[in-house]
């Protein structure tokens, strides 16, 4: 049953704010109103002055942040600025002041950096865009950052991954407030999924760390990368260097923080993703990437992305225009 009580939402904006981080969740709340909800949205800036978004669009605000009135939802939008630079003290204060009295505190994408600077993520679980999750963990050492999550709830604090994940989180908030039926109506109206399959890993680029420091280990990684389909068992790899399997395992652990078997699997996985992106069938991708079978590749995709190779390809393979005649 729809809760007819007004639900007051404040969105913190500032110069350089990502426009979609504001518009995406706001559109979800606005659409929910068409189905019986009563979200009342205001835009607030640290000083009450209008702001300019990352796209150069001027945004009129409703006022400055303050402790009163207490908002049911206080949402902090993200920006490309603050993973690269420290959050200014006045912006951190602008997040902290309304958050104290808010029913729930929400960040979209890199808005998590502002929450962290305000001390609002201390000791909490959180997420942000996969590209900068490691930076958030460094900025807020007491926060447990979950880089693969689309969104994370820890008590009354909610954080989301990059950009469009703000829509996913807003839908989850609508469902929390008004139930799954209304949230489903909103998702259908906006032509989005109620809950997307898999985590952020399906959107991330292949794992390409720095090359190994030691020439011996670099020889092995180059060998695996050049021909993933060869027999790259631990024993075979050790033979190439004329070292013991224990020594090779120690080299991988010390320099790459992984095992030889997991490194080979990661290379094959990255190649399979690239082949699927290019339009190869899943069976072809498994063979060319060096997996023993399609089933073994499917298990790796399920473990890493929580989706099948076929589902991955439907989302990310190269678009082909159908030509008639």
C-alpha atoms as a PDB file:
ATOM      1  CA  UNK A   1       0.000   0.000   0.000  1.00  0.00           C
ATOM      2  CA  UNK A   2       1.306   3.452  -0.946  1.00  0.00           C
ATOM      3  CA  UNK A   3       2.302   5.709   1.932  1.00  0.00           C
ATOM      4  CA  UNK A   4       0.589   9.034   1.190  1.00  0.00           C
ATOM      5  CA  UNK A   5       2.614  11.095   3.666  1.00  0.00           C
ATOM      6  CA  UNK A   6       4.942  13.630   2.000  1.00  0.00           C
ATOM      7  CA  UNK A   7       8.545  12.501   1.800  1.00  0.00           C
ATOM      8  CA  UNK A   8      10.995  15.396   1.716  1.00  0.00           C
ATOM      9  CA  UNK A   9      14.161  14.884  -0.336  1.00  0.00           C
ATOM     10  CA  UNK A  10      17.067  17.333  -0.352  1.00  0.00           C
ATOM     11  CA  UNK A  11      19.821  17.007  -2.953  1.00  0.00           C
ATOM     12  CA  UNK A  12      23.155  18.677  -2.272  1.00  0.00           C
ATOM     13  CA  UNK A  13      24.573  20.328  -5.411  1.00  0.00           C
ATOM     14  CA  UNK A  14      27.678  22.438  -5.957  1.00  0.00           C
ATOM     15  CA  UNK A  15      29.818  23.745  -8.808  1.00  0.00           C
ATOM     16  CA  UNK A  16      31.025  20.836 -10.934  1.00  0.00           C
ATOM     17  CA  UNK A  17      28.351  18.411  -9.738  1.00  0.00           C
ATOM     18  CA  UNK A  18      27.574  15.600 -12.188  1.00  0.00           C
ATOM     19  CA  UNK A  19      24.235  16.469 -13.740  1.00  0.00           C
ATOM     20  CA  UNK A  20      23.058  12.875 -14.141  1.00  0.00           C
ATOM     21  CA  UNK A  21      23.764  12.169 -10.473  1.00  0.00           C
ATOM     22  CA  UNK A  22      21.110  14.774  -9.718  1.00  0.00           C
ATOM     23  CA  UNK A  23      18.677  14.180 -12.569  1.00  0.00           C
ATOM     24  CA  UNK A  24      18.641  10.359 -12.426  1.00  0.00           C
ATOM     25  CA  UNK A  25      17.388   9.906  -8.852  1.00  0.00           C
ATOM     26  CA  UNK A  26      15.162  12.999  -9.120  1.00  0.00           C
ATOM     27  CA  UNK A  27      13.482  11.496 -12.185  1.00  0.00           C
ATOM     28  CA  UNK A  28      12.816   8.274 -10.280  1.00  0.00           C
ATOM     29  CA  UNK A  29      11.192  10.168  -7.406  1.00  0.00           C
ATOM     30  CA  UNK A  30       9.192  12.343  -9.796  1.00  0.00           C
ATOM     31  CA  UNK A  31       7.967   9.294 -11.695  1.00  0.00           C
ATOM     32  CA  UNK A  32       6.988   7.632  -8.408  1.00  0.00           C
ATOM     33  CA  UNK A  33       4.701  10.588  -7.742  1.00  0.00           C
ATOM     34  CA  UNK A  34       2.713   9.674 -10.855  1.00  0.00           C
ATOM     35  CA  UNK A  35       1.881   6.355  -9.191  1.00  0.00           C
ATOM     36  CA  UNK A  36       0.791   7.753  -5.846  1.00  0.00           C
ATOM     37  CA  UNK A  37       3.961   8.675  -3.946  1.00  0.00           C
ATOM     38  CA  UNK A  38       4.536  12.197  -2.651  1.00  0.00           C
ATOM     39  CA  UNK A  39       8.250  12.997  -2.927  1.00  0.00           C
ATOM     40  CA  UNK A  40       9.012  16.684  -2.542  1.00  0.00           C
ATOM     41  CA  UNK A  41      12.444  17.536  -3.870  1.00  0.00           C
ATOM     42  CA  UNK A  42      14.605  20.557  -3.178  1.00  0.00           C
ATOM     43  CA  UNK A  43      18.096  21.390  -4.399  1.00  0.00           C
ATOM     44  CA  UNK A  44      20.460  22.854  -1.832  1.00  0.00           C
ATOM     45  CA  UNK A  45      23.921  24.336  -2.242  1.00  0.00           C
ATOM     46  CA  UNK A  46      26.454  25.123   0.489  1.00  0.00           C
ATOM     47  CA  UNK A  47      25.730  28.882   0.361  1.00  0.00           C
ATOM     48  CA  UNK A  48      22.330  28.993  -1.334  1.00  0.00           C
ATOM     49  CA  UNK A  49      23.841  30.322  -4.553  1.00  0.00           C
ATOM     50  CA  UNK A  50      22.987  28.716  -7.896  1.00  0.00           C
ATOM     51  CA  UNK A  51      25.586  26.283  -9.220  1.00  0.00           C
ATOM     52  CA  UNK A  52      26.967  25.129 -12.556  1.00  0.00           C
ATOM     53  CA  UNK A  53      27.024  21.405 -13.320  1.00  0.00           C
ATOM     54  CA  UNK A  54      29.824  19.453 -14.972  1.00  0.00           C
ATOM     55  CA  UNK A  55      28.103  20.012 -18.333  1.00  0.00           C
ATOM     56  CA  UNK A  56      27.985  23.774 -17.896  1.00  0.00           C
ATOM     57  CA  UNK A  57      24.243  23.734 -17.171  1.00  0.00           C
ATOM     58  CA  UNK A  58      23.208  26.352 -14.636  1.00  0.00           C
ATOM     59  CA  UNK A  59      21.138  24.878 -11.800  1.00  0.00           C
ATOM     60  CA  UNK A  60      18.802  27.036  -9.725  1.00  0.00           C
ATOM     61  CA  UNK A  61      18.726  25.946  -6.089  1.00  0.00           C
ATOM     62  CA  UNK A  62      16.030  26.287  -3.465  1.00  0.00           C
ATOM     63  CA  UNK A  63      18.301  27.442  -0.678  1.00  0.00           C
ATOM     64  CA  UNK A  64      21.341  26.823   1.475  1.00  0.00           C
ATOM     65  CA  UNK A  65      21.907  23.768   3.615  1.00  0.00           C
ATOM     66  CA  UNK A  66      20.861  23.950   7.241  1.00  0.00           C
ATOM     67  CA  UNK A  67      19.991  21.635  10.098  1.00  0.00           C
ATOM     68  CA  UNK A  68      16.313  22.568   9.772  1.00  0.00           C
ATOM     69  CA  UNK A  69      14.024  21.327   8.496  1.00  0.00           C
ATOM     70  CA  UNK A  70      14.977  17.673   8.915  1.00  0.00           C
ATOM     71  CA  UNK A  71      14.739  15.868   5.581  1.00  0.00           C
ATOM     72  CA  UNK A  72      13.513  12.315   5.149  1.00  0.00           C
ATOM     73  CA  UNK A  73      16.214  11.708   2.551  1.00  0.00           C
ATOM     74  CA  UNK A  74      19.378  13.765   2.151  1.00  0.00           C
ATOM     75  CA  UNK A  75      21.191  12.927  -1.090  1.00  0.00           C
ATOM     76  CA  UNK A  76      24.704  13.988  -2.043  1.00  0.00           C
ATOM     77  CA  UNK A  77      25.452  13.930  -5.769  1.00  0.00           C
ATOM     78  CA  UNK A  78      28.923  13.173  -7.097  1.00  0.00           C
ATOM     79  CA  UNK A  79      31.508  14.958  -9.198  1.00  0.00           C
ATOM     80  CA  UNK A  80      34.663  14.130 -11.143  1.00  0.00           C
ATOM     81  CA  UNK A  81      36.451  16.762  -9.073  1.00  0.00           C
ATOM     82  CA  UNK A  82      36.843  15.107  -5.712  1.00  0.00           C
ATOM     83  CA  UNK A  83      38.393  11.774  -6.410  1.00  0.00           C
ATOM     84  CA  UNK A  84      41.201  13.906  -7.885  1.00  0.00           C
ATOM     85  CA  UNK A  85      41.300  16.513  -5.130  1.00  0.00           C
ATOM     86  CA  UNK A  86      40.459  16.755  -1.453  1.00  0.00           C
ATOM     87  CA  UNK A  87      36.907  17.769  -0.615  1.00  0.00           C
ATOM     88  CA  UNK A  88      36.829  21.409   0.576  1.00  0.00           C
ATOM     89  CA  UNK A  89      35.904  21.894   4.206  1.00  0.00           C
ATOM     90  CA  UNK A  90      32.832  23.996   3.416  1.00  0.00           C
ATOM     91  CA  UNK A  91      31.447  21.260   1.143  1.00  0.00           C
ATOM     92  CA  UNK A  92      32.086  18.582   3.771  1.00  0.00           C
ATOM     93  CA  UNK A  93      30.291  20.770   6.319  1.00  0.00           C
ATOM     94  CA  UNK A  94      27.419  21.247   3.880  1.00  0.00           C
ATOM     95  CA  UNK A  95      26.965  17.467   3.813  1.00  0.00           C
ATOM     96  CA  UNK A  96      27.415  16.967   7.550  1.00  0.00           C
ATOM     97  CA  UNK A  97      24.903  19.556   8.778  1.00  0.00           C
ATOM     98  CA  UNK A  98      21.714  18.200   7.146  1.00  0.00           C
ATOM     99  CA  UNK A  99      22.845  14.594   7.511  1.00  0.00           C
ATOM    100  CA  UNK A 100      22.704  14.753  11.299  1.00  0.00           C
ATOM    101  CA  UNK A 101      18.919  15.083  11.332  1.00  0.00           C
ATOM    102  CA  UNK A 102      18.065  13.282   8.076  1.00  0.00           C
ATOM    103  CA  UNK A 103      16.091  10.056   8.102  1.00  0.00           C
ATOM    104  CA  UNK A 104      18.560   8.556   5.656  1.00  0.00           C
ATOM    105  CA  UNK A 105      21.717   9.781   3.955  1.00  0.00           C
ATOM    106  CA  UNK A 106      22.444   8.831   0.344  1.00  0.00           C
ATOM    107  CA  UNK A 107      25.397   9.369  -1.974  1.00  0.00           C
ATOM    108  CA  UNK A 108      25.492   8.906  -5.724  1.00  0.00           C
ATOM    109  CA  UNK A 109      28.742   7.738  -7.317  1.00  0.00           C
ATOM    110  CA  UNK A 110      31.643   9.889  -6.069  1.00  0.00           C
ATOM    111  CA  UNK A 111      29.361  11.720  -3.663  1.00  0.00           C
ATOM    112  CA  UNK A 112      30.724   9.059  -1.297  1.00  0.00           C
ATOM    113  CA  UNK A 113      33.960  11.083  -1.140  1.00  0.00           C
ATOM    114  CA  UNK A 114      31.988  14.008   0.275  1.00  0.00           C
ATOM    115  CA  UNK A 115      30.314  11.771   2.840  1.00  0.00           C
ATOM    116  CA  UNK A 116      33.718  10.388   3.776  1.00  0.00           C
ATOM    117  CA  UNK A 117      35.194  13.876   4.179  1.00  0.00           C
ATOM    118  CA  UNK A 118      32.260  14.730   6.441  1.00  0.00           C
ATOM    119  CA  UNK A 119      32.999  11.694   8.629  1.00  0.00           C
ATOM    120  CA  UNK A 120      29.725  10.057   7.624  1.00  0.00           C
ATOM    121  CA  UNK A 121      31.273   6.815   6.364  1.00  0.00           C
ATOM    122  CA  UNK A 122      33.526   6.092   9.341  1.00  0.00           C
ATOM    123  CA  UNK A 123      33.153   2.447  10.318  1.00  0.00           C
ATOM    124  CA  UNK A 124      30.552   1.824   7.606  1.00  0.00           C
ATOM    125  CA  UNK A 125      30.274  -0.286   4.484  1.00  0.00           C
ATOM    126  CA  UNK A 126      30.098   1.755   1.272  1.00  0.00           C
ATOM    127  CA  UNK A 127      30.708   1.781  -2.447  1.00  0.00           C
ATOM    128  CA  UNK A 128      31.477   4.233  -5.247  1.00  0.00           C
ATOM    129  CA  UNK A 129      32.514   4.039  -8.901  1.00  0.00           C
ATOM    130  CA  UNK A 130      34.794   1.060  -9.478  1.00  0.00           C
ATOM    131  CA  UNK A 131      37.518   3.261 -10.978  1.00  0.00           C
ATOM    132  CA  UNK A 132      38.034   5.192  -7.744  1.00  0.00           C
ATOM    133  CA  UNK A 133      36.991   2.663  -5.100  1.00  0.00           C
ATOM    134  CA  UNK A 134      40.629   2.245  -4.068  1.00  0.00           C
ATOM    135  CA  UNK A 135      40.926   6.005  -3.552  1.00  0.00           C
ATOM    136  CA  UNK A 136      37.865   6.055  -1.314  1.00  0.00           C
ATOM    137  CA  UNK A 137      39.375   3.243   0.760  1.00  0.00           C
ATOM    138  CA  UNK A 138      42.564   5.290   1.119  1.00  0.00           C
ATOM    139  CA  UNK A 139      40.673   8.478   2.061  1.00  0.00           C
ATOM    140  CA  UNK A 140      38.519   6.672   4.623  1.00  0.00           C
ATOM    141  CA  UNK A 141      40.552   3.803   6.126  1.00  0.00           C
ATOM    142  CA  UNK A 142      37.829   2.838   8.612  1.00  0.00           C
ATOM    143  CA  UNK A 143      35.257   2.453   5.829  1.00  0.00           C
ATOM    144  CA  UNK A 144      34.837  -0.987   4.269  1.00  0.00           C
ATOM    145  CA  UNK A 145      34.622  -0.206   0.545  1.00  0.00           C
ATOM    146  CA  UNK A 146      32.840  -2.778  -1.618  1.00  0.00           C
ATOM    147  CA  UNK A 147      34.076  -2.039  -5.168  1.00  0.00           C
ATOM    148  CA  UNK A 148      31.771  -4.495  -6.949  1.00  0.00           C
ATOM    149  CA  UNK A 149      28.479  -3.401  -5.367  1.00  0.00           C
ATOM    150  CA  UNK A 150      25.882  -1.452  -7.357  1.00  0.00           C
ATOM    151  CA  UNK A 151      24.736   0.084  -4.084  1.00  0.00           C
ATOM    152  CA  UNK A 152      25.283  -0.552  -0.387  1.00  0.00           C
ATOM    153  CA  UNK A 153      23.059   0.077   2.603  1.00  0.00           C
ATOM    154  CA  UNK A 154      24.604   0.339   6.063  1.00  0.00           C
ATOM    155  CA  UNK A 155      21.936   1.328   8.539  1.00  0.00           C
ATOM    156  CA  UNK A 156      20.492   4.616   7.319  1.00  0.00           C
ATOM    157  CA  UNK A 157      23.459   5.351   5.055  1.00  0.00           C
ATOM    158  CA  UNK A 158      23.220   4.402   1.386  1.00  0.00           C
ATOM    159  CA  UNK A 159      25.967   4.684  -1.230  1.00  0.00           C
ATOM    160  CA  UNK A 160      25.868   3.818  -4.922  1.00  0.00           C
ATOM    161  CA  UNK A 161      28.251   3.070  -7.753  1.00  0.00           C
ATOM    162  CA  UNK A 162      28.807   5.159 -10.850  1.00  0.00           C
ATOM    163  CA  UNK A 163      26.284   7.524 -12.417  1.00  0.00           C
ATOM    164  CA  UNK A 164      23.324   5.385 -13.552  1.00  0.00           C
ATOM    165  CA  UNK A 165      23.622   3.256 -10.405  1.00  0.00           C
ATOM    166  CA  UNK A 166      21.979   6.253  -8.743  1.00  0.00           C
ATOM    167  CA  UNK A 167      18.816   5.222 -10.578  1.00  0.00           C
ATOM    168  CA  UNK A 168      19.147   1.680  -9.210  1.00  0.00           C
ATOM    169  CA  UNK A 169      19.504   3.035  -5.689  1.00  0.00           C
ATOM    170  CA  UNK A 170      16.619   5.485  -6.081  1.00  0.00           C
ATOM    171  CA  UNK A 171      14.385   2.610  -7.209  1.00  0.00           C
ATOM    172  CA  UNK A 172      15.452   0.645  -4.135  1.00  0.00           C
ATOM    173  CA  UNK A 173      14.524   3.617  -1.943  1.00  0.00           C
ATOM    174  CA  UNK A 174      11.126   3.876  -3.611  1.00  0.00           C
ATOM    175  CA  UNK A 175      10.587   0.171  -3.016  1.00  0.00           C
ATOM    176  CA  UNK A 176      11.588   0.610   0.621  1.00  0.00           C
ATOM    177  CA  UNK A 177       9.095   3.463   1.002  1.00  0.00           C
ATOM    178  CA  UNK A 178       6.185   2.168  -1.074  1.00  0.00           C
ATOM    179  CA  UNK A 179       6.720  -1.495  -1.843  1.00  0.00           C
ATOM    180  CA  UNK A 180       7.783  -3.477  -4.910  1.00  0.00           C
ATOM    181  CA  UNK A 181       4.634  -2.919  -6.984  1.00  0.00           C
ATOM    182  CA  UNK A 182       5.004   0.844  -7.172  1.00  0.00           C
ATOM    183  CA  UNK A 183       8.766   0.579  -7.701  1.00  0.00           C
ATOM    184  CA  UNK A 184       8.141  -1.879 -10.526  1.00  0.00           C
ATOM    185  CA  UNK A 185       5.719   0.565 -12.149  1.00  0.00           C
ATOM    186  CA  UNK A 186       8.377   3.273 -11.976  1.00  0.00           C
ATOM    187  CA  UNK A 187      11.043   0.976 -13.460  1.00  0.00           C
ATOM    188  CA  UNK A 188       8.751   0.037 -16.334  1.00  0.00           C
ATOM    189  CA  UNK A 189       7.857   3.650 -17.008  1.00  0.00           C
ATOM    190  CA  UNK A 190      11.545   4.594 -17.137  1.00  0.00           C
ATOM    191  CA  UNK A 191      12.441   1.447 -19.129  1.00  0.00           C
ATOM    192  CA  UNK A 192      15.062   0.315 -16.630  1.00  0.00           C
ATOM    193  CA  UNK A 193      15.609  -2.861 -14.645  1.00  0.00           C
ATOM    194  CA  UNK A 194      14.195  -3.115 -11.134  1.00  0.00           C
ATOM    195  CA  UNK A 195      17.464  -4.809 -10.180  1.00  0.00           C
ATOM    196  CA  UNK A 196      20.305  -5.263 -12.634  1.00  0.00           C
ATOM    197  CA  UNK A 197      22.135  -8.571 -12.660  1.00  0.00           C
ATOM    198  CA  UNK A 198      25.764  -8.694 -11.565  1.00  0.00           C
ATOM    199  CA  UNK A 199      27.976  -6.105  -9.966  1.00  0.00           C
ATOM    200  CA  UNK A 200      30.301  -3.373 -11.200  1.00  0.00           C
ATOM    201  CA  UNK A 201      32.893  -5.883 -12.421  1.00  0.00           C
ATOM    202  CA  UNK A 202      30.910  -6.445 -15.604  1.00  0.00           C
ATOM    203  CA  UNK A 203      31.517  -2.789 -16.517  1.00  0.00           C
ATOM    204  CA  UNK A 204      35.166  -2.559 -15.497  1.00  0.00           C
ATOM    205  CA  UNK A 205      38.076  -2.794 -17.878  1.00  0.00           C
ATOM    206  CA  UNK A 206      40.252  -5.923 -17.939  1.00  0.00           C
ATOM    207  CA  UNK A 207      42.619  -6.236 -15.021  1.00  0.00           C
ATOM    208  CA  UNK A 208      45.955  -4.907 -16.218  1.00  0.00           C
ATOM    209  CA  UNK A 209      48.378  -4.241 -13.413  1.00  0.00           C
ATOM    210  CA  UNK A 210      51.995  -3.150 -13.683  1.00  0.00           C
ATOM    211  CA  UNK A 211      54.379  -5.714 -15.183  1.00  0.00           C
ATOM    212  CA  UNK A 212      56.340  -7.890 -12.748  1.00  0.00           C
ATOM    213  CA  UNK A 213      59.614  -6.444 -11.524  1.00  0.00           C
ATOM    214  CA  UNK A 214      61.637  -9.601 -11.981  1.00  0.00           C
ATOM    215  CA  UNK A 215      62.603 -10.622 -15.541  1.00  0.00           C
ATOM    216  CA  UNK A 216      61.886 -14.268 -14.686  1.00  0.00           C
ATOM    217  CA  UNK A 217      58.293 -13.649 -13.723  1.00  0.00           C
ATOM    218  CA  UNK A 218      57.805 -11.265 -16.636  1.00  0.00           C
ATOM    219  CA  UNK A 219      58.870 -14.079 -18.939  1.00  0.00           C
ATOM    220  CA  UNK A 220      56.092 -16.259 -17.536  1.00  0.00           C
ATOM    221  CA  UNK A 221      53.383 -13.581 -17.697  1.00  0.00           C
ATOM    222  CA  UNK A 222      54.350 -12.743 -21.275  1.00  0.00           C
ATOM    223  CA  UNK A 223      54.154 -16.424 -22.149  1.00  0.00           C
ATOM    224  CA  UNK A 224      50.659 -16.771 -20.689  1.00  0.00           C
ATOM    225  CA  UNK A 225      49.410 -13.565 -22.295  1.00  0.00           C
ATOM    226  CA  UNK A 226      50.779 -14.476 -25.727  1.00  0.00           C
ATOM    227  CA  UNK A 227      49.127 -17.895 -25.786  1.00  0.00           C
ATOM    228  CA  UNK A 228      46.483 -18.451 -23.072  1.00  0.00           C
ATOM    229  CA  UNK A 229      45.455 -21.774 -24.622  1.00  0.00           C
ATOM    230  CA  UNK A 230      48.699 -23.591 -23.886  1.00  0.00           C
ATOM    231  CA  UNK A 231      49.210 -25.922 -20.977  1.00  0.00           C
ATOM    232  CA  UNK A 232      49.928 -23.425 -18.219  1.00  0.00           C
ATOM    233  CA  UNK A 233      49.770 -25.758 -15.264  1.00  0.00           C
ATOM    234  CA  UNK A 234      51.990 -24.886 -12.328  1.00  0.00           C
ATOM    235  CA  UNK A 235      54.438 -27.640 -13.238  1.00  0.00           C
ATOM    236  CA  UNK A 236      54.726 -26.555 -16.870  1.00  0.00           C
ATOM    237  CA  UNK A 237      55.239 -22.912 -15.950  1.00  0.00           C
ATOM    238  CA  UNK A 238      57.945 -23.826 -13.429  1.00  0.00           C
ATOM    239  CA  UNK A 239      59.755 -25.846 -16.113  1.00  0.00           C
ATOM    240  CA  UNK A 240      60.051 -22.756 -18.320  1.00  0.00           C
ATOM    241  CA  UNK A 241      62.141 -21.083 -15.634  1.00  0.00           C
ATOM    242  CA  UNK A 242      63.794 -24.230 -14.343  1.00  0.00           C
ATOM    243  CA  UNK A 243      62.605 -23.429 -10.822  1.00  0.00           C
ATOM    244  CA  UNK A 244      60.546 -25.303  -8.287  1.00  0.00           C
ATOM    245  CA  UNK A 245      56.785 -24.913  -8.206  1.00  0.00           C
ATOM    246  CA  UNK A 246      57.125 -23.551  -4.672  1.00  0.00           C
ATOM    247  CA  UNK A 247      59.529 -20.847  -5.824  1.00  0.00           C
ATOM    248  CA  UNK A 248      57.277 -19.831  -8.737  1.00  0.00           C
ATOM    249  CA  UNK A 249      54.265 -19.689  -6.440  1.00  0.00           C
ATOM    250  CA  UNK A 250      56.224 -17.433  -4.076  1.00  0.00           C
ATOM    251  CA  UNK A 251      57.187 -15.115  -6.967  1.00  0.00           C
ATOM    252  CA  UNK A 252      53.541 -14.704  -7.992  1.00  0.00           C
ATOM    253  CA  UNK A 253      52.462 -14.093  -4.416  1.00  0.00           C
ATOM    254  CA  UNK A 254      55.175 -11.551  -3.643  1.00  0.00           C
ATOM    255  CA  UNK A 255      54.965  -9.547  -6.876  1.00  0.00           C
ATOM    256  CA  UNK A 256      51.395  -9.962  -8.118  1.00  0.00           C
ATOM    257  CA  UNK A 257      49.520 -10.958  -4.942  1.00  0.00           C
ATOM    258  CA  UNK A 258      47.974 -13.949  -6.686  1.00  0.00           C
ATOM    259  CA  UNK A 259      48.691 -17.567  -7.597  1.00  0.00           C
ATOM    260  CA  UNK A 260      49.893 -18.837 -10.985  1.00  0.00           C
ATOM    261  CA  UNK A 261      46.585 -20.634 -11.556  1.00  0.00           C
ATOM    262  CA  UNK A 262      44.520 -17.559 -10.741  1.00  0.00           C
ATOM    263  CA  UNK A 263      46.733 -15.385 -12.972  1.00  0.00           C
ATOM    264  CA  UNK A 264      46.203 -17.756 -15.908  1.00  0.00           C
ATOM    265  CA  UNK A 265      42.466 -17.758 -15.229  1.00  0.00           C
ATOM    266  CA  UNK A 266      42.366 -13.946 -15.166  1.00  0.00           C
ATOM    267  CA  UNK A 267      44.188 -13.698 -18.501  1.00  0.00           C
ATOM    268  CA  UNK A 268      41.812 -16.196 -20.072  1.00  0.00           C
ATOM    269  CA  UNK A 269      38.839 -14.385 -18.595  1.00  0.00           C
ATOM    270  CA  UNK A 270      39.976 -11.010 -19.947  1.00  0.00           C
ATOM    271  CA  UNK A 271      40.568 -12.514 -23.397  1.00  0.00           C
ATOM    272  CA  UNK A 272      37.161 -14.208 -23.361  1.00  0.00           C
ATOM    273  CA  UNK A 273      35.468 -10.916 -22.515  1.00  0.00           C
ATOM    274  CA  UNK A 274      37.265  -9.212 -25.393  1.00  0.00           C
ATOM    275  CA  UNK A 275      36.248 -12.000 -27.785  1.00  0.00           C
ATOM    276  CA  UNK A 276      32.618 -11.780 -26.686  1.00  0.00           C
ATOM    277  CA  UNK A 277      32.767  -8.002 -27.166  1.00  0.00           C
ATOM    278  CA  UNK A 278      33.945  -8.624 -30.744  1.00  0.00           C
ATOM    279  CA  UNK A 279      30.969 -10.881 -31.478  1.00  0.00           C
ATOM    280  CA  UNK A 280      32.435 -14.386 -31.107  1.00  0.00           C
ATOM    281  CA  UNK A 281      30.066 -16.994 -29.758  1.00  0.00           C
ATOM    282  CA  UNK A 282      30.538 -18.127 -26.178  1.00  0.00           C
ATOM    283  CA  UNK A 283      31.839 -21.501 -27.336  1.00  0.00           C
ATOM    284  CA  UNK A 284      34.346 -19.848 -29.690  1.00  0.00           C
ATOM    285  CA  UNK A 285      35.454 -17.468 -26.945  1.00  0.00           C
ATOM    286  CA  UNK A 286      36.030 -20.354 -24.540  1.00  0.00           C
ATOM    287  CA  UNK A 287      38.202 -22.206 -27.054  1.00  0.00           C
ATOM    288  CA  UNK A 288      40.203 -19.188 -28.244  1.00  0.00           C
ATOM    289  CA  UNK A 289      40.783 -17.931 -24.696  1.00  0.00           C
ATOM    290  CA  UNK A 290      42.133 -21.303 -23.627  1.00  0.00           C
ATOM    291  CA  UNK A 291      39.427 -22.507 -21.258  1.00  0.00           C
ATOM    292  CA  UNK A 292      39.201 -26.310 -21.076  1.00  0.00           C
ATOM    293  CA  UNK A 293      35.476 -26.094 -21.853  1.00  0.00           C
ATOM    294  CA  UNK A 294      32.587 -23.672 -22.130  1.00  0.00           C
ATOM    295  CA  UNK A 295      31.380 -24.854 -18.731  1.00  0.00           C
ATOM    296  CA  UNK A 296      34.669 -23.907 -17.075  1.00  0.00           C
ATOM    297  CA  UNK A 297      34.419 -20.430 -18.634  1.00  0.00           C
ATOM    298  CA  UNK A 298      30.799 -20.112 -17.505  1.00  0.00           C
ATOM    299  CA  UNK A 299      31.798 -20.887 -13.919  1.00  0.00           C
ATOM    300  CA  UNK A 300      34.466 -18.158 -13.997  1.00  0.00           C
ATOM    301  CA  UNK A 301      31.978 -15.600 -15.363  1.00  0.00           C
ATOM    302  CA  UNK A 302      29.453 -16.580 -12.711  1.00  0.00           C
ATOM    303  CA  UNK A 303      32.037 -16.184  -9.942  1.00  0.00           C
ATOM    304  CA  UNK A 304      33.498 -12.899 -11.182  1.00  0.00           C
ATOM    305  CA  UNK A 305      30.463 -11.137 -12.658  1.00  0.00           C
ATOM    306  CA  UNK A 306      27.463 -13.061 -11.321  1.00  0.00           C
ATOM    307  CA  UNK A 307      26.188 -13.380 -14.897  1.00  0.00           C
ATOM    308  CA  UNK A 308      26.674 -15.904 -17.702  1.00  0.00           C
ATOM    309  CA  UNK A 309      28.849 -15.285 -20.785  1.00  0.00           C
ATOM    310  CA  UNK A 310      25.688 -15.042 -22.880  1.00  0.00           C
ATOM    311  CA  UNK A 311      24.189 -12.415 -20.551  1.00  0.00           C
ATOM    312  CA  UNK A 312      27.459 -10.476 -20.617  1.00  0.00           C
ATOM    313  CA  UNK A 313      27.500 -10.529 -24.410  1.00  0.00           C
ATOM    314  CA  UNK A 314      23.920  -9.300 -24.667  1.00  0.00           C
ATOM    315  CA  UNK A 315      24.919  -6.267 -22.626  1.00  0.00           C
ATOM    316  CA  UNK A 316      28.285  -5.435 -24.116  1.00  0.00           C
ATOM    317  CA  UNK A 317      28.911  -6.988 -27.524  1.00  0.00           C
ATOM    318  CA  UNK A 318      29.506  -4.663 -30.458  1.00  0.00           C
ATOM    319  CA  UNK A 319      26.251  -3.317 -31.827  1.00  0.00           C
ATOM    320  CA  UNK A 320      25.577  -4.368 -35.382  1.00  0.00           C
ATOM    321  CA  UNK A 321      23.143  -2.543 -37.611  1.00  0.00           C
ATOM    322  CA  UNK A 322      20.860  -4.861 -39.531  1.00  0.00           C
ATOM    323  CA  UNK A 323      21.008  -4.055 -43.226  1.00  0.00           C
ATOM    324  CA  UNK A 324      18.142  -4.997 -45.500  1.00  0.00           C
ATOM    325  CA  UNK A 325      18.888  -6.122 -49.054  1.00  0.00           C
END
